[in-house]
Amino acid sequence: MGAQMTLAGRAASATKGFVEVKDFALFYDTLDGAVEAVTGVSIHVDPGEFVSIIGPSGCGKSTLLNAVAGFLKPTGGTVTVDGEAVDGPSADRGMVFQQYSLFPWKTVRGNVEFGLKMKGKDRGSREPAARTLLGLAGLLQFENQYPERLSGGMKQRVGIVRALATGPKVLLLDEPFGALDAQTRVIMQQILTNMWQRLKISVLFVTHDIDEAIFLSDRVYCMTARPGTIKAEIMVPLERPRQPAMMMSSEFLALRRGLMSLIREESLKAMGGEISDGALEGLSINLHGQSLADVI
């Protein structure tokens, strides 16, 4: 009953988490001069929405995510959460990295409780909150284990639970499943989407995996080759809850074909290649707010 009340309370309080990035630009200073990493990027995540960013390697996906997290300051433009400027890291924005970032000297529950302890929560409230989320992620039976005893997928589940434990408005994930094998990755996608639907939190997710982006997201932003900007904004009108079997549906495959074409075009540009035979002609049109199924 206590766990149910905790989850219900979290869902009821998730009325905020509006992320807005306007005209974002970031330049790096190098010995050869300034490098334009990202320019003119404008995106948003509505409260409780799941949004993914995909694009070719080096296009600035992680740069953009790190700016929302508060780790990087933009050269130009603005980054806000619920109308307030992001000026540094905050417990309001939970971050999960591709690399496992658990404390090896703490147990699974100890890792999850750490953020709560930093927020000043007493031990009596930390433990039930941690155990509730661990149960939701299927990890409760491992609460007293240390990270070295866990598989890669389990470690990343702990990382996600730890990021959620402090009750952030927004969850930011930077290719969290990139190091996992294909089968584990599919299971992790299912676990993440189930947790997201229960907690009603805003999510901004960076990935190279097109199937993953479609399966998880309400919307997908596709970025161009560097300097990265937004090439297309794709609505994903698939019904929820999402099940792996829908990856074989005609709607899913249509979205996949379109996104693969967009990414291929930008990947060729990133590698200095050219598109031949007009194979991708017409896909550079403005797709903002449309389903790819309408244009392919």
Protein backbone atom coordinates (compact mmCIF):
# COMPACT_ATOMS: atom_id res chain seq x y z
CA MET A 1 0.00 0.00 0.00
CA GLY A 2 2.85 2.38 0.88
CA ALA A 3 4.60 1.70 -2.42
CA GLN A 4 1.38 2.33 -4.35
CA MET A 5 0.85 5.63 -2.55
CA THR A 6 4.44 6.67 -3.28
CA LEU A 7 4.05 6.00 -7.00
CA ALA A 8 0.66 7.66 -7.10
CA GLY A 9 2.09 10.71 -5.40
CA ARG A 10 4.95 10.94 -7.87
CA ALA A 11 2.61 10.64 -10.86
CA ALA A 12 0.24 13.25 -9.44
CA SER A 13 3.09 15.71 -8.85
CA ALA A 14 4.55 15.31 -12.36
CA THR A 15 2.73 18.36 -13.70
CA LYS A 16 5.94 20.12 -14.68
CA GLY A 17 9.06 19.30 -16.61
CA PHE A 18 8.68 21.48 -19.70
CA VAL A 19 12.07 21.68 -21.41
CA GLU A 20 12.61 24.39 -24.00
CA VAL A 21 15.76 25.00 -26.02
CA LYS A 22 15.74 28.07 -28.28
CA ASP A 23 18.32 28.94 -30.95
CA PHE A 24 20.94 26.96 -29.07
CA ALA A 25 24.54 27.22 -30.27
CA LEU A 26 27.81 26.00 -28.83
CA PHE A 27 31.36 26.66 -30.01
CA TYR A 28 34.53 24.97 -28.79
CA ASP A 29 37.85 26.77 -28.70
CA THR A 30 40.70 24.72 -30.16
CA LEU A 31 44.28 25.41 -31.21
CA ASP A 32 43.00 25.79 -34.76
CA GLY A 33 40.29 28.22 -33.75
CA ALA A 34 36.62 27.97 -32.78
CA VAL A 35 34.73 24.82 -33.75
CA GLU A 36 30.99 25.17 -34.30
CA ALA A 37 29.50 22.06 -32.70
CA VAL A 38 25.79 22.93 -32.62
CA THR A 39 23.92 25.88 -34.08
CA GLY A 40 20.36 27.15 -34.27
CA VAL A 41 18.81 24.24 -32.37
CA SER A 42 15.28 24.68 -31.04
CA ILE A 43 13.50 21.76 -29.38
CA HIS A 44 11.03 21.19 -26.58
CA VAL A 45 9.80 18.41 -24.31
CA ASP A 46 6.28 18.75 -22.96
CA PRO A 47 5.57 17.68 -19.36
CA GLY A 48 5.44 13.90 -19.19
CA GLU A 49 6.56 13.46 -22.82
CA PHE A 50 9.21 11.03 -24.08
CA VAL A 51 11.41 12.66 -26.73
CA SER A 52 14.47 11.18 -28.45
CA ILE A 53 17.31 12.79 -30.39
CA ILE A 54 19.10 10.88 -33.13
CA GLY A 55 21.70 11.87 -35.69
CA PRO A 56 25.09 10.94 -37.15
CA SER A 57 28.15 10.61 -34.92
CA GLY A 58 29.58 13.97 -33.89
CA CYS A 59 26.44 15.95 -34.67
CA GLY A 60 26.12 17.34 -31.12
CA LYS A 61 23.42 15.11 -29.60
CA SER A 62 25.31 14.63 -26.34
CA THR A 63 26.41 18.26 -26.35
CA LEU A 64 22.77 19.33 -26.44
CA LEU A 65 21.83 16.88 -23.68
CA ASN A 66 24.71 18.05 -21.49
CA ALA A 67 23.55 21.64 -21.90
CA VAL A 68 20.06 20.67 -20.67
CA ALA A 69 21.73 18.87 -17.76
CA GLY A 70 23.63 22.05 -16.93
CA PHE A 71 27.12 20.65 -17.57
CA LEU A 72 27.72 22.97 -20.54
CA LYS A 73 26.79 26.60 -21.04
CA PRO A 74 25.54 27.61 -24.50
CA THR A 75 27.47 30.07 -26.63
CA GLY A 76 24.14 31.36 -27.87
CA GLY A 77 20.46 30.82 -27.27
CA THR A 78 18.64 29.68 -24.14
CA VAL A 79 17.91 26.46 -22.26
CA THR A 80 15.04 26.52 -19.76
CA VAL A 81 13.06 24.07 -17.63
CA ASP A 82 9.61 25.30 -16.63
CA GLY A 83 10.61 28.80 -17.73
CA GLU A 84 13.72 28.98 -15.54
CA ALA A 85 17.14 29.24 -17.15
CA VAL A 86 19.44 26.23 -16.71
CA ASP A 87 22.60 27.58 -15.10
CA GLY A 88 24.13 24.37 -13.74
CA PRO A 89 23.32 20.81 -12.65
CA SER A 90 20.25 20.33 -10.48
CA ALA A 91 18.35 17.54 -8.78
CA ASP A 92 15.42 18.59 -10.98
CA ARG A 93 17.26 16.97 -13.90
CA GLY A 94 18.36 13.37 -13.42
CA MET A 95 21.15 12.15 -15.74
CA VAL A 96 22.00 8.63 -16.87
CA PHE A 97 25.20 8.06 -18.88
CA GLN A 98 26.24 5.24 -21.20
CA GLN A 99 29.07 4.32 -18.83
CA TYR A 100 28.06 2.70 -15.57
CA SER A 101 28.54 5.33 -12.88
CA LEU A 102 27.65 3.46 -9.70
CA PHE A 103 29.64 3.70 -6.48
CA PRO A 104 31.37 0.29 -6.22
CA TRP A 105 31.62 0.50 -2.43
CA LYS A 106 27.86 0.96 -1.99
CA THR A 107 25.15 -1.67 -2.31
CA VAL A 108 22.41 -1.38 -4.89
CA ARG A 109 20.10 0.26 -2.36
CA GLY A 110 22.94 2.40 -1.05
CA ASN A 111 23.53 3.76 -4.55
CA VAL A 112 19.86 4.59 -4.96
CA GLU A 113 19.64 6.23 -1.53
CA PHE A 114 22.71 8.42 -2.11
CA GLY A 115 20.87 11.20 -3.94
CA LEU A 116 18.13 11.21 -1.32
CA LYS A 117 20.76 11.55 1.39
CA MET A 118 22.29 14.54 -0.42
CA LYS A 119 18.83 16.12 -0.48
CA GLY A 120 18.66 15.81 3.29
CA LYS A 121 16.16 12.98 3.48
CA ASP A 122 16.32 10.98 6.70
CA ARG A 123 17.06 7.29 6.65
CA GLY A 124 13.50 6.40 7.57
CA SER A 125 12.18 7.93 4.34
CA ARG A 126 15.14 7.02 2.10
CA GLU A 127 14.82 3.27 2.44
CA PRO A 128 11.13 2.84 1.48
CA ALA A 129 11.52 5.27 -1.45
CA ALA A 130 14.54 3.35 -2.76
CA ARG A 131 12.87 -0.02 -2.30
CA THR A 132 9.73 1.13 -4.13
CA LEU A 133 11.70 2.12 -7.22
CA LEU A 134 13.91 -0.96 -7.07
CA GLY A 135 10.76 -3.07 -7.03
CA LEU A 136 9.44 -1.23 -10.07
CA ALA A 137 12.70 -2.00 -11.91
CA GLY A 138 12.70 -5.67 -10.83
CA LEU A 139 15.78 -5.20 -8.64
CA LEU A 140 14.45 -5.48 -5.12
CA GLN A 141 15.94 -8.94 -4.56
CA PHE A 142 19.38 -7.49 -5.36
CA GLU A 143 19.17 -4.48 -3.02
CA ASN A 144 22.04 -5.71 -0.82
CA GLN A 145 24.35 -6.73 -3.66
CA TYR A 146 27.35 -4.67 -4.79
CA PRO A 147 27.71 -3.46 -8.41
CA GLU A 148 30.52 -5.93 -9.20
CA ARG A 149 28.01 -8.77 -8.80
CA LEU A 150 25.56 -7.29 -11.33
CA SER A 151 25.24 -7.71 -15.10
CA GLY A 152 25.53 -4.69 -17.39
CA GLY A 153 21.77 -4.40 -17.80
CA MET A 154 21.23 -4.58 -14.05
CA LYS A 155 23.86 -1.90 -13.41
CA GLN A 156 22.13 0.42 -15.85
CA ARG A 157 18.77 -0.26 -14.26
CA VAL A 158 20.27 0.77 -10.92
CA GLY A 159 21.61 3.93 -12.58
CA ILE A 160 18.16 4.81 -13.91
CA VAL A 161 16.53 4.13 -10.54
CA ARG A 162 19.16 6.27 -8.79
CA ALA A 163 18.45 9.15 -11.19
CA LEU A 164 14.70 8.81 -10.55
CA ALA A 165 14.96 8.50 -6.77
CA THR A 166 15.34 12.23 -6.14
CA GLY A 167 12.09 12.95 -7.98
CA PRO A 168 13.46 14.97 -10.93
CA LYS A 169 11.19 16.84 -13.29
CA VAL A 170 13.19 15.62 -16.27
CA LEU A 171 15.16 12.42 -16.90
CA LEU A 172 18.09 12.79 -19.33
CA LEU A 173 19.62 9.64 -20.85
CA ASP A 174 22.74 9.62 -23.03
CA GLU A 175 22.78 6.32 -24.97
CA PRO A 176 22.21 4.36 -21.74
CA PHE A 177 21.85 1.01 -23.51
CA GLY A 178 24.66 1.45 -26.04
CA ALA A 179 27.00 -1.01 -24.32
CA LEU A 180 24.41 -3.78 -23.94
CA ASP A 181 23.83 -6.79 -26.16
CA ALA A 182 20.81 -6.69 -28.46
CA GLN A 183 18.58 -8.96 -26.38
CA THR A 184 19.29 -7.16 -23.11
CA ARG A 185 18.78 -3.83 -24.86
CA VAL A 186 15.24 -4.77 -25.93
CA ILE A 187 14.39 -5.83 -22.37
CA MET A 188 15.82 -2.58 -20.99
CA GLN A 189 13.73 -0.56 -23.44
CA GLN A 190 10.61 -2.33 -22.19
CA ILE A 191 11.56 -1.72 -18.55
CA LEU A 192 12.27 1.96 -19.20
CA THR A 193 9.02 2.61 -21.03
CA ASN A 194 7.06 0.79 -18.28
CA MET A 195 8.73 2.91 -15.57
CA TRP A 196 8.15 6.10 -17.55
CA GLN A 197 4.45 5.36 -17.96
CA ARG A 198 4.11 4.74 -14.22
CA LEU A 199 6.01 7.85 -13.11
CA LYS A 200 4.82 10.32 -15.80
CA ILE A 201 8.19 12.06 -15.97
CA SER A 202 9.55 14.10 -18.90
CA VAL A 203 12.33 12.26 -20.76
CA LEU A 204 14.96 13.45 -23.22
CA PHE A 205 16.80 10.46 -24.68
CA VAL A 206 19.87 10.40 -26.95
CA THR A 207 20.49 7.32 -29.08
CA HIS A 208 22.04 6.08 -32.32
CA ASP A 209 19.49 3.28 -32.54
CA ILE A 210 16.56 4.15 -34.82
CA ASP A 211 14.37 1.26 -33.66
CA GLU A 212 14.98 2.27 -30.05
CA ALA A 213 14.03 5.89 -30.72
CA ILE A 214 10.77 4.90 -32.42
CA PHE A 215 9.82 2.28 -29.84
CA LEU A 216 10.33 4.56 -26.85
CA SER A 217 9.30 7.99 -28.07
CA ASP A 218 6.33 10.25 -28.59
CA ARG A 219 8.50 12.41 -30.87
CA VAL A 220 11.93 12.07 -32.43
CA TYR A 221 14.27 14.91 -33.41
CA CYS A 222 16.72 14.10 -36.18
CA MET A 223 19.90 16.21 -36.25
CA THR A 224 22.12 17.10 -39.18
CA ALA A 225 25.85 16.53 -39.54
CA ARG A 226 28.07 19.03 -37.72
CA PRO A 227 27.40 21.80 -37.08
CA GLY A 228 24.35 20.06 -35.71
CA THR A 229 20.91 21.53 -36.12
CA ILE A 230 17.42 20.05 -36.33
CA LYS A 231 16.70 18.43 -39.70
CA ALA A 232 13.29 16.97 -38.85
CA GLU A 233 10.82 16.56 -36.01
CA ILE A 234 8.98 13.26 -36.31
CA MET A 235 5.76 12.37 -34.53
CA VAL A 236 5.45 8.72 -33.45
CA PRO A 237 1.70 7.94 -33.46
CA LEU A 238 2.05 4.33 -32.26
CA GLU A 239 -0.32 3.25 -29.51
CA ARG A 240 0.81 2.74 -25.93
CA PRO A 241 1.68 0.63 -24.10
CA ARG A 242 4.37 -0.33 -26.59
CA GLN A 243 5.17 -4.00 -27.11
CA PRO A 244 8.19 -5.45 -28.99
CA ALA A 245 5.83 -7.18 -31.46
CA MET A 246 4.80 -3.80 -32.89
CA MET A 247 8.30 -3.40 -34.35
CA MET A 248 7.07 -5.59 -37.21
CA SER A 249 3.99 -3.47 -37.92
CA SER A 250 3.67 -1.53 -41.16
CA GLU A 251 3.46 1.75 -39.23
CA PHE A 252 6.69 1.06 -37.36
CA LEU A 253 8.53 -0.06 -40.49
CA ALA A 254 7.41 3.05 -42.39
CA LEU A 255 8.82 5.26 -39.66
CA ARG A 256 12.01 3.21 -39.63
CA ARG A 257 12.54 3.51 -43.40
CA GLY A 258 12.11 7.27 -43.31
CA LEU A 259 14.42 7.81 -40.37
CA MET A 260 17.06 5.53 -41.85
CA SER A 261 17.03 7.64 -45.02
CA LEU A 262 17.40 10.85 -43.06
CA ILE A 263 20.27 9.49 -40.96
CA ARG A 264 22.02 7.99 -43.98
CA GLU A 265 21.92 11.32 -45.77
CA GLU A 266 23.47 13.13 -42.81
CA SER A 267 25.99 10.37 -42.12
CA LEU A 268 27.26 10.64 -45.69
CA LYS A 269 27.67 14.38 -45.23
CA ALA A 270 29.51 13.83 -41.96
CA MET A 271 31.95 11.52 -43.76
CA GLY A 272 32.40 13.90 -46.67
CA GLY A 273 30.47 11.66 -49.10
CA GLU A 274 27.75 12.52 -51.57
CA ILE A 275 24.30 11.06 -52.12
CA SER A 276 24.15 9.21 -55.42
CA ASP A 277 21.35 8.49 -57.89
CA GLY A 278 18.98 10.85 -56.11
CA ALA A 279 18.10 8.04 -53.69
CA LEU A 280 17.20 10.46 -50.92
CA GLU A 281 15.74 13.22 -53.08
CA GLY A 282 12.81 14.94 -51.42
CA LEU A 283 13.62 13.85 -47.87
CA SER A 284 15.19 17.21 -47.01
CA ILE A 285 11.78 18.82 -46.84
CA ASN A 286 10.57 20.35 -43.59
CA LEU A 287 8.92 17.52 -41.65
CA HIS A 288 8.18 19.45 -38.47
CA GLY A 289 5.14 18.06 -36.73
CA GLN A 290 4.39 15.43 -39.42
CA SER A 291 4.43 11.67 -39.41
CA LEU A 292 6.96 10.21 -41.84
CA ALA A 293 4.22 7.84 -42.94
CA ASP A 294 2.58 10.87 -44.59
CA VAL A 295 5.54 11.68 -46.77
CA ILE A 296 7.19 8.39 -47.76
